[in-house]
Amino acid sequence: MTQNVPRLSKLPFIVGDLLLIATAGFVAVYGPSLGPWQFAVVAASVAFGAWLAAWPFVLEYRAAAKLAEAEALDAVTAKIQDLNKVSASISSAILEWQHLQQSSTQTLTSAQHIAEQMTTEARSFGEVMSKLHESEKTHLRLEVEKLRRAEGDWLGVTVRMLDHVHALHQAGVRSGQRNVIEQLTHFQAACRDTARRLGVVAVVPEAGVPFNAEAHQVLAEAKPAAGAVVEAVVAPGYTFQGQIIRLPVVAAQAPKAEEPKAEEAQLSFDQPS
């Protein structure tokens, strides 16, 4: 802010200057011929008057110079204060940056620690899950084996029951009693229909069909002769869900020889011996 330069009153100096100049002029005009001392007085008066006229301007100049120095000093002081503020701001920023760096370092360390813990937990969880899977697989394998064993047990029981029913029906057929045969036939059909709902299907070949070693089996160890036919069904075969459980057990016999025709026999009898 620019301050006003104090103004010095120049009137006393101008009046004194005029008086000195007037005195010097009076002495020079009305006095006798100027002697050395009179000339000195006149010169001194003129010089003092000139100094007296110039002195107020000198004082104003000095005051203006001091004021300018004061203003410059104020500006420098203000700049120094601004620099101090900037320095304080820089120091504060550095402290905040250091604090932020420490916080970032702590956060990074915490994050690394958490990541390590998560990795450890994930590894442990994976091991536990792997053990659980293995245990579950073992348990399921045991359960499947138990189910298969139970399935084989009830399948064997079912086949034995159907065999006994078939044997009972065959006994009824051999008895020759029609009522008994019909009742046992219905009973056997009902038992086979019940087993069919469980997936067990009886395979009963018809009598007189050619014997096939891939589709039939016999009780005797000897293999039937070529061209043998099924004489009777000893025990039916069974399939479970399309898979063969047992081939039907049959009694096979060799094909009967063809009897000679009547005409050929008559000719043989007519020929002389």
C-alpha atoms as a PDB file:
ATOM      1  CA  MET A   1       0.000   0.000   0.000  1.00  0.00           C
ATOM      2  CA  THR A   2       1.525   3.351  -1.081  1.00  0.00           C
ATOM      3  CA  GLN A   3       1.777   5.898   1.710  1.00  0.00           C
ATOM      4  CA  ASN A   4       1.558   9.708   1.092  1.00  0.00           C
ATOM      5  CA  VAL A   5       4.879  11.581   1.396  1.00  0.00           C
ATOM      6  CA  PRO A   6       4.608  14.153   4.243  1.00  0.00           C
ATOM      7  CA  ARG A   7       4.610  17.678   2.821  1.00  0.00           C
ATOM      8  CA  LEU A   8       6.914  20.233   4.423  1.00  0.00           C
ATOM      9  CA  SER A   9       5.788  23.893   4.449  1.00  0.00           C
ATOM     10  CA  LYS A  10       8.184  25.869   2.215  1.00  0.00           C
ATOM     11  CA  LEU A  11       6.902  29.353   3.075  1.00  0.00           C
ATOM     12  CA  PRO A  12       9.350  30.062   5.945  1.00  0.00           C
ATOM     13  CA  PHE A  13      12.260  28.978   3.787  1.00  0.00           C
ATOM     14  CA  ILE A  14      11.131  31.112   0.863  1.00  0.00           C
ATOM     15  CA  VAL A  15      10.614  34.161   3.137  1.00  0.00           C
ATOM     16  CA  GLY A  16      14.059  33.710   4.685  1.00  0.00           C
ATOM     17  CA  ASP A  17      15.574  33.297   1.244  1.00  0.00           C
ATOM     18  CA  LEU A  18      13.918  36.528   0.000  1.00  0.00           C
ATOM     19  CA  LEU A  19      15.081  38.447   3.086  1.00  0.00           C
ATOM     20  CA  LEU A  20      18.666  37.283   2.633  1.00  0.00           C
ATOM     21  CA  ILE A  21      18.629  38.135  -1.065  1.00  0.00           C
ATOM     22  CA  ALA A  22      17.067  41.528  -0.329  1.00  0.00           C
ATOM     23  CA  THR A  23      19.711  42.230   2.342  1.00  0.00           C
ATOM     24  CA  ALA A  24      22.445  41.292  -0.047  1.00  0.00           C
ATOM     25  CA  GLY A  25      20.950  43.584  -2.714  1.00  0.00           C
ATOM     26  CA  PHE A  26      20.542  46.464  -0.258  1.00  0.00           C
ATOM     27  CA  VAL A  27      24.100  46.162   0.894  1.00  0.00           C
ATOM     28  CA  ALA A  28      25.312  45.988  -2.670  1.00  0.00           C
ATOM     29  CA  VAL A  29      23.313  49.056  -3.832  1.00  0.00           C
ATOM     30  CA  TYR A  30      23.347  51.478  -0.928  1.00  0.00           C
ATOM     31  CA  GLY A  31      26.507  50.567   0.788  1.00  0.00           C
ATOM     32  CA  PRO A  32      29.937  52.084  -0.009  1.00  0.00           C
ATOM     33  CA  SER A  33      32.207  50.334  -2.375  1.00  0.00           C
ATOM     34  CA  LEU A  34      32.326  46.729  -1.422  1.00  0.00           C
ATOM     35  CA  GLY A  35      35.185  45.670   0.666  1.00  0.00           C
ATOM     36  CA  PRO A  36      36.360  42.200   1.218  1.00  0.00           C
ATOM     37  CA  TRP A  37      34.141  41.697   4.265  1.00  0.00           C
ATOM     38  CA  GLN A  38      31.094  43.149   2.517  1.00  0.00           C
ATOM     39  CA  PHE A  39      31.625  40.911  -0.465  1.00  0.00           C
ATOM     40  CA  ALA A  40      31.917  37.964   1.883  1.00  0.00           C
ATOM     41  CA  VAL A  41      28.662  38.929   3.623  1.00  0.00           C
ATOM     42  CA  VAL A  42      26.856  39.273   0.311  1.00  0.00           C
ATOM     43  CA  ALA A  43      28.222  35.950  -0.940  1.00  0.00           C
ATOM     44  CA  ALA A  44      27.356  34.250   2.340  1.00  0.00           C
ATOM     45  CA  SER A  45      23.851  35.711   2.275  1.00  0.00           C
ATOM     46  CA  VAL A  46      23.291  34.561  -1.291  1.00  0.00           C
ATOM     47  CA  ALA A  47      24.716  31.108  -0.573  1.00  0.00           C
ATOM     48  CA  PHE A  48      22.700  30.723   2.632  1.00  0.00           C
ATOM     49  CA  GLY A  49      19.592  31.897   0.802  1.00  0.00           C
ATOM     50  CA  ALA A  50      20.175  29.341  -1.963  1.00  0.00           C
ATOM     51  CA  TRP A  51      20.716  26.593   0.599  1.00  0.00           C
ATOM     52  CA  LEU A  52      17.674  27.725   2.517  1.00  0.00           C
ATOM     53  CA  ALA A  53      15.600  27.576  -0.713  1.00  0.00           C
ATOM     54  CA  ALA A  54      16.871  24.089  -1.626  1.00  0.00           C
ATOM     55  CA  TRP A  55      16.775  22.541   1.840  1.00  0.00           C
ATOM     56  CA  PRO A  56      13.023  21.782   1.986  1.00  0.00           C
ATOM     57  CA  PHE A  57      13.258  19.842  -1.290  1.00  0.00           C
ATOM     58  CA  VAL A  58      16.175  17.863   0.142  1.00  0.00           C
ATOM     59  CA  LEU A  59      14.137  17.046   3.215  1.00  0.00           C
ATOM     60  CA  GLU A  60      11.192  15.942   1.058  1.00  0.00           C
ATOM     61  CA  TYR A  61      13.519  13.760  -1.037  1.00  0.00           C
ATOM     62  CA  ARG A  62      14.971  12.103   2.053  1.00  0.00           C
ATOM     63  CA  ALA A  63      11.463  11.500   3.425  1.00  0.00           C
ATOM     64  CA  ALA A  64      10.330  10.025   0.057  1.00  0.00           C
ATOM     65  CA  ALA A  65      13.458   7.846  -0.089  1.00  0.00           C
ATOM     66  CA  LYS A  66      12.877   6.577   3.446  1.00  0.00           C
ATOM     67  CA  LEU A  67       9.236   5.952   2.613  1.00  0.00           C
ATOM     68  CA  ALA A  68      10.199   4.041  -0.533  1.00  0.00           C
ATOM     69  CA  GLU A  69      12.692   2.011   1.494  1.00  0.00           C
ATOM     70  CA  ALA A  70       9.997   1.302   4.071  1.00  0.00           C
ATOM     71  CA  GLU A  71       7.560   0.234   1.356  1.00  0.00           C
ATOM     72  CA  ALA A  72      10.221  -1.969  -0.259  1.00  0.00           C
ATOM     73  CA  LEU A  73      11.013  -3.414   3.152  1.00  0.00           C
ATOM     74  CA  ASP A  74       7.312  -4.099   3.725  1.00  0.00           C
ATOM     75  CA  ALA A  75       7.075  -5.801   0.335  1.00  0.00           C
ATOM     76  CA  VAL A  76      10.159  -7.881   1.073  1.00  0.00           C
ATOM     77  CA  THR A  77       8.771  -8.700   4.499  1.00  0.00           C
ATOM     78  CA  ALA A  78       5.437  -9.705   2.947  1.00  0.00           C
ATOM     79  CA  LYS A  79       7.248 -11.877   0.419  1.00  0.00           C
ATOM     80  CA  ILE A  80       9.319 -13.412   3.177  1.00  0.00           C
ATOM     81  CA  GLN A  81       6.131 -14.112   5.078  1.00  0.00           C
ATOM     82  CA  ASP A  82       4.646 -15.632   1.927  1.00  0.00           C
ATOM     83  CA  LEU A  83       7.775 -17.721   1.570  1.00  0.00           C
ATOM     84  CA  ASN A  84       7.406 -18.782   5.170  1.00  0.00           C
ATOM     85  CA  LYS A  85       3.818 -19.752   4.469  1.00  0.00           C
ATOM     86  CA  VAL A  86       4.911 -21.659   1.376  1.00  0.00           C
ATOM     87  CA  SER A  87       7.676 -23.324   3.380  1.00  0.00           C
ATOM     88  CA  ALA A  88       5.190 -24.203   6.098  1.00  0.00           C
ATOM     89  CA  SER A  89       2.811 -25.573   3.454  1.00  0.00           C
ATOM     90  CA  ILE A  90       5.643 -27.599   1.919  1.00  0.00           C
ATOM     91  CA  SER A  91       6.633 -28.907   5.346  1.00  0.00           C
ATOM     92  CA  SER A  92       3.017 -29.783   6.078  1.00  0.00           C
ATOM     93  CA  ALA A  93       2.714 -31.483   2.676  1.00  0.00           C
ATOM     94  CA  ILE A  94       5.925 -33.424   3.320  1.00  0.00           C
ATOM     95  CA  LEU A  95       4.635 -34.526   6.720  1.00  0.00           C
ATOM     96  CA  GLU A  96       1.317 -35.535   5.214  1.00  0.00           C
ATOM     97  CA  TRP A  97       3.106 -37.397   2.419  1.00  0.00           C
ATOM     98  CA  GLN A  98       5.299 -39.177   4.967  1.00  0.00           C
ATOM     99  CA  HIS A  99       2.213 -40.040   6.991  1.00  0.00           C
ATOM    100  CA  LEU A 100       0.470 -41.207   3.827  1.00  0.00           C
ATOM    101  CA  GLN A 101       3.514 -43.274   2.873  1.00  0.00           C
ATOM    102  CA  GLN A 102       3.566 -44.859   6.321  1.00  0.00           C
ATOM    103  CA  SER A 103      -0.147 -45.546   6.069  1.00  0.00           C
ATOM    104  CA  SER A 104       0.335 -47.024   2.587  1.00  0.00           C
ATOM    105  CA  THR A 105       3.185 -49.189   3.859  1.00  0.00           C
ATOM    106  CA  GLN A 106       1.084 -50.383   6.775  1.00  0.00           C
ATOM    107  CA  THR A 107      -1.860 -51.008   4.438  1.00  0.00           C
ATOM    108  CA  LEU A 108       0.372 -52.932   2.017  1.00  0.00           C
ATOM    109  CA  THR A 109       1.800 -54.988   4.870  1.00  0.00           C
ATOM    110  CA  SER A 110      -1.681 -55.685   6.185  1.00  0.00           C
ATOM    111  CA  ALA A 111      -2.868 -56.606   2.687  1.00  0.00           C
ATOM    112  CA  GLN A 112       0.079 -58.983   2.231  1.00  0.00           C
ATOM    113  CA  HIS A 113      -0.625 -60.524   5.619  1.00  0.00           C
ATOM    114  CA  ILE A 114      -4.307 -60.899   4.760  1.00  0.00           C
ATOM    115  CA  ALA A 115      -3.393 -62.384   1.372  1.00  0.00           C
ATOM    116  CA  GLU A 116      -1.073 -64.894   3.065  1.00  0.00           C
ATOM    117  CA  GLN A 117      -3.816 -65.789   5.535  1.00  0.00           C
ATOM    118  CA  MET A 118      -6.327 -66.142   2.698  1.00  0.00           C
ATOM    119  CA  THR A 119      -3.874 -68.360   0.804  1.00  0.00           C
ATOM    120  CA  THR A 120      -3.329 -70.494   3.897  1.00  0.00           C
ATOM    121  CA  GLU A 121      -7.059 -70.672   4.559  1.00  0.00           C
ATOM    122  CA  ALA A 122      -7.754 -71.533   0.913  1.00  0.00           C
ATOM    123  CA  ARG A 123      -5.098 -74.267   1.013  1.00  0.00           C
ATOM    124  CA  SER A 124      -6.519 -75.626   4.256  1.00  0.00           C
ATOM    125  CA  PHE A 125     -10.045 -75.420   2.878  1.00  0.00           C
ATOM    126  CA  GLY A 126      -8.931 -77.203  -0.283  1.00  0.00           C
ATOM    127  CA  GLU A 127      -7.295 -79.958   1.769  1.00  0.00           C
ATOM    128  CA  VAL A 128     -10.402 -80.304   3.926  1.00  0.00           C
ATOM    129  CA  MET A 129     -12.641 -80.371   0.852  1.00  0.00           C
ATOM    130  CA  SER A 130     -10.334 -82.915  -0.790  1.00  0.00           C
ATOM    131  CA  LYS A 131     -10.511 -85.101   2.309  1.00  0.00           C
ATOM    132  CA  LEU A 132     -14.265 -84.656   2.410  1.00  0.00           C
ATOM    133  CA  HIS A 133     -14.515 -85.573  -1.270  1.00  0.00           C
ATOM    134  CA  GLU A 134     -12.345 -88.631  -0.748  1.00  0.00           C
ATOM    135  CA  SER A 135     -14.354 -89.619   2.308  1.00  0.00           C
ATOM    136  CA  GLU A 136     -17.591 -88.984   0.431  1.00  0.00           C
ATOM    137  CA  LYS A 137     -16.334 -90.976  -2.548  1.00  0.00           C
ATOM    138  CA  THR A 138     -15.328 -93.837  -0.268  1.00  0.00           C
ATOM    139  CA  HIS A 139     -18.672 -93.682   1.475  1.00  0.00           C
ATOM    140  CA  LEU A 140     -20.535 -93.587  -1.839  1.00  0.00           C
ATOM    141  CA  ARG A 141     -18.411 -96.459  -3.136  1.00  0.00           C
ATOM    142  CA  LEU A 142     -19.281 -98.502  -0.060  1.00  0.00           C
ATOM    143  CA  GLU A 143     -22.938 -97.592  -0.431  1.00  0.00           C
ATOM    144  CA  VAL A 144     -22.872 -98.589  -4.107  1.00  0.00           C
ATOM    145  CA  GLU A 145     -21.211-101.878  -3.203  1.00  0.00           C
ATOM    146  CA  LYS A 146     -23.816-102.447  -0.525  1.00  0.00           C
ATOM    147  CA  LEU A 147     -26.603-101.634  -2.962  1.00  0.00           C
ATOM    148  CA  ARG A 148     -25.117-103.931  -5.579  1.00  0.00           C
ATOM    149  CA  ARG A 149     -24.701-106.677  -2.996  1.00  0.00           C
ATOM    150  CA  ALA A 150     -28.263-106.128  -1.794  1.00  0.00           C
ATOM    151  CA  GLU A 151     -29.456-106.071  -5.391  1.00  0.00           C
ATOM    152  CA  GLY A 152     -27.656-109.330  -6.085  1.00  0.00           C
ATOM    153  CA  ASP A 153     -29.133-110.846  -2.909  1.00  0.00           C
ATOM    154  CA  TRP A 154     -32.739-109.922  -3.662  1.00  0.00           C
ATOM    155  CA  LEU A 155     -32.246-110.822  -7.321  1.00  0.00           C
ATOM    156  CA  GLY A 156     -30.998-114.275  -6.295  1.00  0.00           C
ATOM    157  CA  VAL A 157     -33.906-114.663  -3.890  1.00  0.00           C
ATOM    158  CA  THR A 158     -36.354-113.628  -6.614  1.00  0.00           C
ATOM    159  CA  VAL A 159     -34.877-116.101  -9.110  1.00  0.00           C
ATOM    160  CA  ARG A 160     -35.031-118.929  -6.533  1.00  0.00           C
ATOM    161  CA  MET A 161     -38.651-118.106  -5.770  1.00  0.00           C
ATOM    162  CA  LEU A 162     -39.519-118.111  -9.473  1.00  0.00           C
ATOM    163  CA  ASP A 163     -37.689-121.436  -9.863  1.00  0.00           C
ATOM    164  CA  HIS A 164     -39.736-122.919  -7.028  1.00  0.00           C
ATOM    165  CA  VAL A 165     -42.932-121.566  -8.579  1.00  0.00           C
ATOM    166  CA  HIS A 166     -41.922-123.128 -11.909  1.00  0.00           C
ATOM    167  CA  ALA A 167     -41.183-126.432 -10.206  1.00  0.00           C
ATOM    168  CA  LEU A 168     -44.541-126.268  -8.449  1.00  0.00           C
ATOM    169  CA  HIS A 169     -46.274-125.609 -11.758  1.00  0.00           C
ATOM    170  CA  GLN A 170     -44.465-128.531 -13.401  1.00  0.00           C
ATOM    171  CA  ALA A 171     -45.553-130.760 -10.544  1.00  0.00           C
ATOM    172  CA  GLY A 172     -49.140-129.643 -11.030  1.00  0.00           C
ATOM    173  CA  VAL A 173     -48.888-130.367 -14.763  1.00  0.00           C
ATOM    174  CA  ARG A 174     -47.580-133.852 -14.033  1.00  0.00           C
ATOM    175  CA  SER A 175     -50.500-134.425 -11.633  1.00  0.00           C
ATOM    176  CA  GLY A 176     -52.944-134.154 -14.526  1.00  0.00           C
ATOM    177  CA  GLN A 177     -55.583-132.318 -12.466  1.00  0.00           C
ATOM    178  CA  ARG A 178     -57.034-129.509 -14.547  1.00  0.00           C
ATOM    179  CA  ASN A 179     -58.124-127.262 -11.667  1.00  0.00           C
ATOM    180  CA  VAL A 180     -54.741-127.498 -10.010  1.00  0.00           C
ATOM    181  CA  ILE A 181     -52.972-126.812 -13.318  1.00  0.00           C
ATOM    182  CA  GLU A 182     -55.087-123.716 -13.988  1.00  0.00           C
ATOM    183  CA  GLN A 183     -54.587-122.333 -10.485  1.00  0.00           C
ATOM    184  CA  LEU A 184     -50.826-122.929 -10.579  1.00  0.00           C
ATOM    185  CA  THR A 185     -50.675-121.422 -14.069  1.00  0.00           C
ATOM    186  CA  HIS A 186     -52.384-118.221 -12.862  1.00  0.00           C
ATOM    187  CA  PHE A 187     -50.184-118.168  -9.775  1.00  0.00           C
ATOM    188  CA  GLN A 188     -47.004-118.508 -11.868  1.00  0.00           C
ATOM    189  CA  ALA A 189     -48.171-115.772 -14.280  1.00  0.00           C
ATOM    190  CA  ALA A 190     -48.891-113.433 -11.348  1.00  0.00           C
ATOM    191  CA  CYS A 191     -45.459-114.097  -9.819  1.00  0.00           C
ATOM    192  CA  ARG A 192     -43.700-113.500 -13.138  1.00  0.00           C
ATOM    193  CA  ASP A 193     -45.698-110.301 -13.742  1.00  0.00           C
ATOM    194  CA  THR A 194     -44.660-109.007 -10.307  1.00  0.00           C
ATOM    195  CA  ALA A 195     -41.016-109.848 -11.025  1.00  0.00           C
ATOM    196  CA  ARG A 196     -41.320-108.163 -14.445  1.00  0.00           C
ATOM    197  CA  ARG A 197     -42.218-104.894 -12.687  1.00  0.00           C
ATOM    198  CA  LEU A 198     -38.905-105.128 -10.840  1.00  0.00           C
ATOM    199  CA  GLY A 199     -37.050-105.687 -14.123  1.00  0.00           C
ATOM    200  CA  VAL A 200     -36.754-109.478 -13.908  1.00  0.00           C
ATOM    201  CA  VAL A 201     -38.131-111.190 -17.022  1.00  0.00           C
ATOM    202  CA  ALA A 202     -38.440-114.963 -17.397  1.00  0.00           C
ATOM    203  CA  VAL A 203     -37.191-116.543 -20.640  1.00  0.00           C
ATOM    204  CA  VAL A 204     -39.021-119.807 -21.443  1.00  0.00           C
ATOM    205  CA  PRO A 205     -38.143-121.447 -24.781  1.00  0.00           C
ATOM    206  CA  GLU A 206     -40.764-123.526 -26.549  1.00  0.00           C
ATOM    207  CA  ALA A 207     -40.388-127.281 -26.807  1.00  0.00           C
ATOM    208  CA  GLY A 208     -39.239-128.528 -30.159  1.00  0.00           C
ATOM    209  CA  VAL A 209     -37.059-125.540 -31.090  1.00  0.00           C
ATOM    210  CA  PRO A 210     -33.479-126.317 -32.142  1.00  0.00           C
ATOM    211  CA  PHE A 211     -30.969-126.354 -29.314  1.00  0.00           C
ATOM    212  CA  ASN A 212     -28.623-123.303 -29.301  1.00  0.00           C
ATOM    213  CA  ALA A 213     -25.623-123.406 -27.000  1.00  0.00           C
ATOM    214  CA  GLU A 214     -25.585-119.600 -26.854  1.00  0.00           C
ATOM    215  CA  ALA A 215     -29.246-119.367 -25.794  1.00  0.00           C
ATOM    216  CA  HIS A 216     -29.757-122.641 -23.846  1.00  0.00           C
ATOM    217  CA  GLN A 217     -27.915-124.738 -21.284  1.00  0.00           C
ATOM    218  CA  VAL A 218     -28.324-128.351 -20.174  1.00  0.00           C
ATOM    219  CA  LEU A 219     -27.825-130.037 -16.847  1.00  0.00           C
ATOM    220  CA  ALA A 220     -25.538-132.725 -18.232  1.00  0.00           C
ATOM    221  CA  GLU A 221     -21.914-131.884 -18.851  1.00  0.00           C
ATOM    222  CA  ALA A 222     -21.980-133.588 -22.255  1.00  0.00           C
ATOM    223  CA  LYS A 223     -22.803-131.311 -25.122  1.00  0.00           C
ATOM    224  CA  PRO A 224     -25.937-132.331 -27.049  1.00  0.00           C
ATOM    225  CA  ALA A 225     -25.461-133.760 -30.518  1.00  0.00           C
ATOM    226  CA  ALA A 226     -25.759-131.575 -33.544  1.00  0.00           C
ATOM    227  CA  GLY A 227     -29.353-130.993 -34.581  1.00  0.00           C
ATOM    228  CA  ALA A 228     -30.727-131.656 -31.086  1.00  0.00           C
ATOM    229  CA  VAL A 229     -33.992-130.014 -30.151  1.00  0.00           C
ATOM    230  CA  VAL A 230     -35.406-128.753 -26.852  1.00  0.00           C
ATOM    231  CA  GLU A 231     -37.524-131.503 -25.283  1.00  0.00           C
ATOM    232  CA  ALA A 232     -38.563-129.799 -22.040  1.00  0.00           C
ATOM    233  CA  VAL A 233     -37.742-126.719 -19.948  1.00  0.00           C
ATOM    234  CA  VAL A 234     -36.149-127.719 -16.649  1.00  0.00           C
ATOM    235  CA  ALA A 235     -35.806-124.128 -15.388  1.00  0.00           C
ATOM    236  CA  PRO A 236     -36.531-120.859 -17.189  1.00  0.00           C
ATOM    237  CA  GLY A 237     -33.857-118.312 -17.889  1.00  0.00           C
ATOM    238  CA  TYR A 238     -33.961-114.744 -16.584  1.00  0.00           C
ATOM    239  CA  THR A 239     -32.894-111.272 -17.653  1.00  0.00           C
ATOM    240  CA  PHE A 240     -32.589-108.187 -15.444  1.00  0.00           C
ATOM    241  CA  GLN A 241     -32.953-104.807 -17.150  1.00  0.00           C
ATOM    242  CA  GLY A 242     -31.973-106.343 -20.485  1.00  0.00           C
ATOM    243  CA  GLN A 243     -28.922-108.225 -19.158  1.00  0.00           C
ATOM    244  CA  ILE A 244     -28.893-112.013 -19.045  1.00  0.00           C
ATOM    245  CA  ILE A 245     -28.776-113.428 -15.521  1.00  0.00           C
ATOM    246  CA  ARG A 246     -29.108-117.098 -16.428  1.00  0.00           C
ATOM    247  CA  LEU A 247     -29.755-119.036 -19.596  1.00  0.00           C
ATOM    248  CA  PRO A 248     -32.783-121.321 -19.594  1.00  0.00           C
ATOM    249  CA  VAL A 249     -32.000-124.893 -18.484  1.00  0.00           C
ATOM    250  CA  VAL A 250     -33.482-127.390 -20.934  1.00  0.00           C
ATOM    251  CA  ALA A 251     -33.490-131.100 -21.671  1.00  0.00           C
ATOM    252  CA  ALA A 252     -32.314-131.745 -25.226  1.00  0.00           C
ATOM    253  CA  GLN A 253     -32.712-134.868 -27.329  1.00  0.00           C
ATOM    254  CA  ALA A 254     -31.438-136.021 -30.692  1.00  0.00           C
ATOM    255  CA  PRO A 255     -33.819-135.635 -33.657  1.00  0.00           C
ATOM    256  CA  LYS A 256     -35.999-138.647 -34.348  1.00  0.00           C
ATOM    257  CA  ALA A 257     -35.203-140.753 -37.424  1.00  0.00           C
ATOM    258  CA  GLU A 258     -37.711-140.472 -40.236  1.00  0.00           C
ATOM    259  CA  GLU A 259     -40.046-143.526 -40.541  1.00  0.00           C
ATOM    260  CA  PRO A 260     -40.077-145.301 -43.965  1.00  0.00           C
ATOM    261  CA  LYS A 261     -43.035-144.627 -46.155  1.00  0.00           C
ATOM    262  CA  ALA A 262     -45.828-147.236 -46.416  1.00  0.00           C
ATOM    263  CA  GLU A 263     -45.240-147.921 -50.097  1.00  0.00           C
ATOM    264  CA  GLU A 264     -41.560-148.636 -49.571  1.00  0.00           C
ATOM    265  CA  ALA A 265     -42.417-150.969 -46.710  1.00  0.00           C
ATOM    266  CA  GLN A 266     -44.984-152.814 -48.829  1.00  0.00           C
ATOM    267  CA  LEU A 267     -42.450-153.271 -51.619  1.00  0.00           C
ATOM    268  CA  SER A 268     -39.932-154.650 -49.235  1.00  0.00           C
ATOM    269  CA  PHE A 269     -42.425-157.185 -47.968  1.00  0.00           C
ATOM    270  CA  ASP A 270     -43.498-158.229 -51.490  1.00  0.00           C
ATOM    271  CA  GLN A 271     -39.979-159.000 -52.658  1.00  0.00           C
ATOM    272  CA  PRO A 272     -39.062-162.685 -52.394  1.00  0.00           C
ATOM    273  CA  SER A 273     -36.593-163.558 -49.810  1.00  0.00           C
END
